């Protein structure tokens, strides 16, 4: 599948932050062929600069990019989806695949603009894709089948892990795994600050915090155990960990994190309307 993917002609429409992260990661993994990959941006100066940096064709013409590609990744912001989709609609057919990473934009919205039976897969990746540790939620639209979903999974599995959900749950994916890295960075920063407070050099405290967060996450992924069970294994009777947990509970960390995911999810539902 990966070998076949490198032979496909792929277009990244809107090479912004997330699109750029994904493109660079896929090129680095040799999943995409530079000669078969094209990207678009708004300004000619930036197109020329990125073309030199990435070693691929970068243009300002979305329509031409879509015309010459059989796999199109829509990487624009929600408020630009209609404009770009209308621009490329005449170039999209049922034999092509459109993968959208635009937050909050449902597949039916894109399908209605295309006004033809174009397969659409919606994806919500997060920024750790840049180091191959991403998490991406996927769902397929009305005209997409399992083969289209497999193509999307191949792309995003190469930069982390994927999960397929019903589309009604995609905003929750956005609120948890797409926004989640920012929440974890705040937690990690706070742990490191705690280390500084009790006398550790800042670089040592940051390393201890980061490796601890990574190790705890891998314990869940590799053992399959519930976080509560792993927490209990660390919390010995009358030990220091339980005192720390009491402080977290008093500070309402648990409910605050739950509320953060809920708020981010609610905002994801509003993005398309708000813009």
Protein backbone atom coordinates (compact mmCIF):
# COMPACT_ATOMS: atom_id res chain seq x y z
CA UNK A 1 0.00 0.00 0.00
CA UNK A 2 2.82 2.40 0.87
CA UNK A 3 4.63 1.64 -2.37
CA UNK A 4 1.44 2.28 -4.32
CA UNK A 5 0.91 5.53 -2.41
CA UNK A 6 4.26 6.93 -3.57
CA UNK A 7 3.08 6.53 -7.17
CA UNK A 8 -0.10 8.54 -6.63
CA UNK A 9 -0.37 12.15 -7.69
CA UNK A 10 -1.17 14.12 -4.56
CA UNK A 11 -2.16 17.76 -4.03
CA UNK A 12 -2.03 19.64 -0.72
CA UNK A 13 -4.37 22.60 -1.05
CA UNK A 14 -3.49 25.28 1.49
CA UNK A 15 -0.06 24.56 2.87
CA UNK A 16 -0.60 26.12 6.28
CA UNK A 17 0.65 24.93 9.65
CA UNK A 18 -1.03 21.52 9.83
CA UNK A 19 -0.78 20.87 6.10
CA UNK A 20 2.92 21.71 6.19
CA UNK A 21 3.54 19.42 9.16
CA UNK A 22 1.77 16.55 7.44
CA UNK A 23 3.43 17.08 4.06
CA UNK A 24 6.94 17.23 5.51
CA UNK A 25 6.36 14.14 7.61
CA UNK A 26 5.02 12.14 4.66
CA UNK A 27 7.90 13.20 2.43
CA UNK A 28 10.38 12.27 5.14
CA UNK A 29 8.77 8.83 5.41
CA UNK A 30 9.04 8.46 1.61
CA UNK A 31 5.32 7.78 1.49
CA UNK A 32 4.94 10.50 -1.13
CA UNK A 33 7.09 11.08 -4.18
CA UNK A 34 8.29 14.70 -4.52
CA UNK A 35 7.82 14.58 -8.30
CA UNK A 36 4.19 13.49 -7.87
CA UNK A 37 3.35 15.96 -5.11
CA UNK A 38 2.09 19.51 -5.51
CA UNK A 39 1.03 22.06 -2.90
CA UNK A 40 -0.71 25.42 -3.04
CA UNK A 41 -0.42 28.68 -1.12
CA UNK A 42 -1.92 32.14 -1.66
CA UNK A 43 1.19 34.19 -2.45
CA UNK A 44 3.66 33.58 -5.33
CA UNK A 45 6.67 34.61 -3.22
CA UNK A 46 5.88 32.00 -0.59
CA UNK A 47 5.21 29.41 -3.28
CA UNK A 48 8.67 29.91 -4.73
CA UNK A 49 10.32 29.76 -1.31
CA UNK A 50 8.50 26.59 -0.24
CA UNK A 51 9.18 24.89 -3.55
CA UNK A 52 12.91 25.37 -3.02
CA UNK A 53 12.74 24.25 0.62
CA UNK A 54 10.59 21.16 0.09
CA UNK A 55 11.75 20.07 -3.34
CA UNK A 56 8.21 19.84 -4.71
CA UNK A 57 6.04 21.93 -7.00
CA UNK A 58 4.26 24.71 -5.08
CA UNK A 59 1.77 26.95 -6.86
CA UNK A 60 -1.06 29.40 -6.23
CA UNK A 61 -3.45 27.60 -8.58
CA UNK A 62 -5.76 25.26 -6.64
CA UNK A 63 -7.69 24.27 -9.73
CA UNK A 64 -4.61 23.17 -11.65
CA UNK A 65 -3.25 21.30 -8.63
CA UNK A 66 -6.52 19.38 -8.26
CA UNK A 67 -6.72 18.71 -11.98
CA UNK A 68 -3.35 16.94 -12.10
CA UNK A 69 -3.90 14.90 -8.92
CA UNK A 70 -5.98 11.86 -8.02
CA UNK A 71 -5.66 12.43 -4.25
CA UNK A 72 -6.45 15.91 -2.93
CA UNK A 73 -5.84 16.96 0.67
CA UNK A 74 -7.87 19.99 1.68
CA UNK A 75 -5.76 21.68 4.35
CA UNK A 76 -7.35 25.13 4.49
CA UNK A 77 -9.06 26.84 7.42
CA UNK A 78 -12.81 26.25 7.87
CA UNK A 79 -13.75 29.70 6.59
CA UNK A 80 -11.90 29.03 3.32
CA UNK A 81 -13.32 25.58 2.60
CA UNK A 82 -16.26 26.80 0.51
CA UNK A 83 -14.12 29.11 -1.64
CA UNK A 84 -11.47 26.48 -2.40
CA UNK A 85 -13.95 23.62 -2.87
CA UNK A 86 -15.99 25.67 -5.34
CA UNK A 87 -12.76 26.47 -7.16
CA UNK A 88 -11.79 22.81 -7.65
CA UNK A 89 -15.29 21.31 -8.04
CA UNK A 90 -15.01 21.05 -11.82
CA UNK A 91 -11.80 19.03 -11.52
CA UNK A 92 -13.08 16.47 -9.00
CA UNK A 93 -14.62 13.16 -10.11
CA UNK A 94 -15.75 9.93 -8.51
CA UNK A 95 -12.34 8.43 -9.38
CA UNK A 96 -10.53 10.92 -7.16
CA UNK A 97 -10.37 11.14 -3.38
CA UNK A 98 -10.61 14.29 -1.27
CA UNK A 99 -9.30 14.16 2.31
CA UNK A 100 -10.21 17.19 4.40
CA UNK A 101 -8.38 18.17 7.59
CA UNK A 102 -10.44 21.34 8.06
CA UNK A 103 -11.67 21.37 11.65
CA UNK A 104 -15.45 21.26 12.18
CA UNK A 105 -16.34 20.93 8.48
CA UNK A 106 -18.60 17.89 7.90
CA UNK A 107 -18.27 15.72 4.83
CA UNK A 108 -21.79 16.53 3.61
CA UNK A 109 -20.89 20.24 3.48
CA UNK A 110 -18.04 19.50 1.05
CA UNK A 111 -20.10 16.96 -0.90
CA UNK A 112 -22.87 19.50 -1.47
CA UNK A 113 -20.41 22.04 -2.87
CA UNK A 114 -18.77 19.48 -5.16
CA UNK A 115 -22.26 18.47 -6.38
CA UNK A 116 -21.00 15.10 -7.63
CA UNK A 117 -20.25 11.70 -6.16
CA UNK A 118 -16.71 12.50 -5.07
CA UNK A 119 -15.42 10.33 -2.22
CA UNK A 120 -14.65 12.49 0.82
CA UNK A 121 -12.82 11.43 3.99
CA UNK A 122 -12.64 13.76 6.96
CA UNK A 123 -9.48 13.65 9.08
CA UNK A 124 -8.50 15.40 12.30
CA UNK A 125 -4.75 15.02 12.91
CA UNK A 126 -2.71 16.73 15.63
CA UNK A 127 0.67 18.46 15.62
CA UNK A 128 2.79 15.53 16.98
CA UNK A 129 2.42 14.09 13.46
CA UNK A 130 5.60 16.05 12.71
CA UNK A 131 7.64 13.57 14.78
CA UNK A 132 5.62 10.48 13.86
CA UNK A 133 3.65 10.42 17.13
CA UNK A 134 0.42 11.94 15.89
CA UNK A 135 -3.15 10.92 16.56
CA UNK A 136 -5.74 11.23 13.82
CA UNK A 137 -9.47 10.67 13.87
CA UNK A 138 -11.07 9.58 10.58
CA UNK A 139 -14.57 9.24 9.18
CA UNK A 140 -15.87 8.71 5.66
CA UNK A 141 -18.49 10.59 3.75
CA UNK A 142 -21.50 9.38 1.78
CA UNK A 143 -19.60 8.37 -1.36
CA UNK A 144 -16.42 7.01 0.25
CA UNK A 145 -15.91 3.30 0.78
CA UNK A 146 -13.47 1.20 2.80
CA UNK A 147 -10.75 1.51 0.16
CA UNK A 148 -10.83 5.29 0.49
CA UNK A 149 -10.68 4.99 4.26
CA UNK A 150 -7.73 2.59 3.88
CA UNK A 151 -5.88 5.21 1.82
CA UNK A 152 -6.41 7.81 4.53
CA UNK A 153 -5.33 5.36 7.22
CA UNK A 154 -2.14 4.56 5.30
CA UNK A 155 -1.30 8.26 5.13
CA UNK A 156 -1.95 9.06 8.77
CA UNK A 157 -0.70 5.76 10.24
CA UNK A 158 2.69 6.70 8.81
CA UNK A 159 2.80 9.71 11.15
CA UNK A 160 1.26 8.14 14.26
CA UNK A 161 -1.97 6.31 15.01
CA UNK A 162 -5.48 6.51 13.62
CA UNK A 163 -8.96 5.79 14.88
CA UNK A 164 -12.13 5.60 12.80
CA UNK A 165 -15.29 7.06 14.34
CA UNK A 166 -18.80 8.05 13.31
CA UNK A 167 -18.82 11.59 11.97
CA UNK A 168 -20.97 12.81 14.84
CA UNK A 169 -17.97 12.16 17.12
CA UNK A 170 -15.40 14.08 15.08
CA UNK A 171 -15.82 17.33 17.01
CA UNK A 172 -15.04 15.38 20.17
CA UNK A 173 -11.88 14.07 18.50
CA UNK A 174 -10.97 17.69 17.78
CA UNK A 175 -11.59 18.72 21.40
CA UNK A 176 -9.55 15.84 22.82
CA UNK A 177 -6.66 14.84 20.58
CA UNK A 178 -6.29 17.90 18.33
CA UNK A 179 -6.45 20.42 21.18
CA UNK A 180 -5.03 17.97 23.72
CA UNK A 181 -1.31 18.54 23.05
CA UNK A 182 -1.69 22.15 24.24
CA UNK A 183 -3.28 20.90 27.46
CA UNK A 184 -0.44 18.42 27.98
CA UNK A 185 2.19 21.10 27.37
CA UNK A 186 0.67 23.18 30.16
CA UNK A 187 0.72 20.15 32.47
CA UNK A 188 4.30 19.35 31.49
CA UNK A 189 5.39 22.95 31.97
CA UNK A 190 3.75 23.01 35.39
CA UNK A 191 5.45 19.77 36.46
CA UNK A 192 8.79 21.21 35.41
CA UNK A 193 8.09 24.42 37.33
CA UNK A 194 7.35 22.27 40.36
CA UNK A 195 10.73 20.64 39.93
CA UNK A 196 12.38 24.06 39.78
CA UNK A 197 10.48 25.08 42.91
CA UNK A 198 11.99 22.17 44.86
CA UNK A 199 15.52 22.86 43.65
CA UNK A 200 16.09 21.16 40.28
CA UNK A 201 17.81 22.96 37.40
CA UNK A 202 15.23 23.95 34.78
CA UNK A 203 16.66 21.76 32.00
CA UNK A 204 16.76 18.73 34.29
CA UNK A 205 13.23 19.40 35.54
CA UNK A 206 11.93 19.73 31.98
CA UNK A 207 13.61 16.48 30.91
CA UNK A 208 12.23 14.64 33.95
CA UNK A 209 8.74 15.96 33.29
CA UNK A 210 8.75 15.24 29.55
CA UNK A 211 10.10 11.71 29.87
CA UNK A 212 7.68 11.01 32.70
CA UNK A 213 4.71 12.11 30.60
CA UNK A 214 5.93 10.06 27.63
CA UNK A 215 6.53 6.99 29.80
CA UNK A 216 3.13 7.22 31.44
CA UNK A 217 1.42 7.48 28.04
CA UNK A 218 3.34 4.50 26.66
CA UNK A 219 2.40 2.44 29.70
CA UNK A 220 -1.26 2.90 28.81
CA UNK A 221 -0.75 2.26 25.08
CA UNK A 222 1.45 -0.81 25.50
CA UNK A 223 -0.20 -2.49 28.50
CA UNK A 224 -3.78 -1.61 27.64
CA UNK A 225 -4.48 -1.04 31.32
CA UNK A 226 -6.90 1.60 32.56
CA UNK A 227 -5.15 4.79 33.75
CA UNK A 228 -6.75 4.42 37.16
CA UNK A 229 -5.09 1.02 37.67
CA UNK A 230 -1.69 2.35 36.66
CA UNK A 231 -2.18 5.31 38.99
CA UNK A 232 -2.98 2.97 41.88
CA UNK A 233 0.20 1.00 41.18
CA UNK A 234 2.25 4.15 41.78
CA UNK A 235 0.27 5.25 44.83
CA UNK A 236 1.67 3.29 47.78
CA UNK A 237 0.00 3.48 51.21
CA UNK A 238 1.11 6.53 53.22
CA UNK A 239 3.56 7.44 50.44
CA UNK A 240 4.38 10.78 48.86
CA UNK A 241 2.33 10.24 45.69
CA UNK A 242 -0.99 10.18 47.52
CA UNK A 243 -0.19 13.55 49.08
CA UNK A 244 0.48 14.96 45.62
CA UNK A 245 -2.78 13.49 44.31
CA UNK A 246 -4.66 15.12 47.18
CA UNK A 247 -3.30 18.49 46.06
CA UNK A 248 -4.41 17.79 42.48
CA UNK A 249 -7.90 16.89 43.67
CA UNK A 250 -8.08 19.97 45.87
CA UNK A 251 -7.08 22.09 42.90
CA UNK A 252 -9.78 20.40 40.79
CA UNK A 253 -7.32 19.36 38.09
CA UNK A 254 -9.48 16.43 37.03
CA UNK A 255 -12.67 18.42 36.50
CA UNK A 256 -10.72 21.29 34.91
CA UNK A 257 -9.26 18.98 32.26
CA UNK A 258 -12.68 17.47 31.58
CA UNK A 259 -14.10 20.96 31.15
CA UNK A 260 -11.23 21.89 28.82
CA UNK A 261 -12.08 19.01 26.47
CA UNK A 262 -15.80 19.85 26.63
CA UNK A 263 -15.17 23.53 25.86
CA UNK A 264 -12.81 22.73 22.98
CA UNK A 265 -15.40 20.30 21.56
CA UNK A 266 -18.15 22.89 21.81
CA UNK A 267 -15.96 25.41 20.03
CA UNK A 268 -15.20 22.89 17.29
CA UNK A 269 -18.95 22.59 16.64
CA UNK A 270 -19.14 26.37 16.20
CA UNK A 271 -16.15 26.99 13.93
CA UNK A 272 -17.83 26.64 10.57
CA UNK A 273 -20.86 28.71 11.65
CA UNK A 274 -18.71 31.32 13.37
CA UNK A 275 -16.55 31.87 10.35
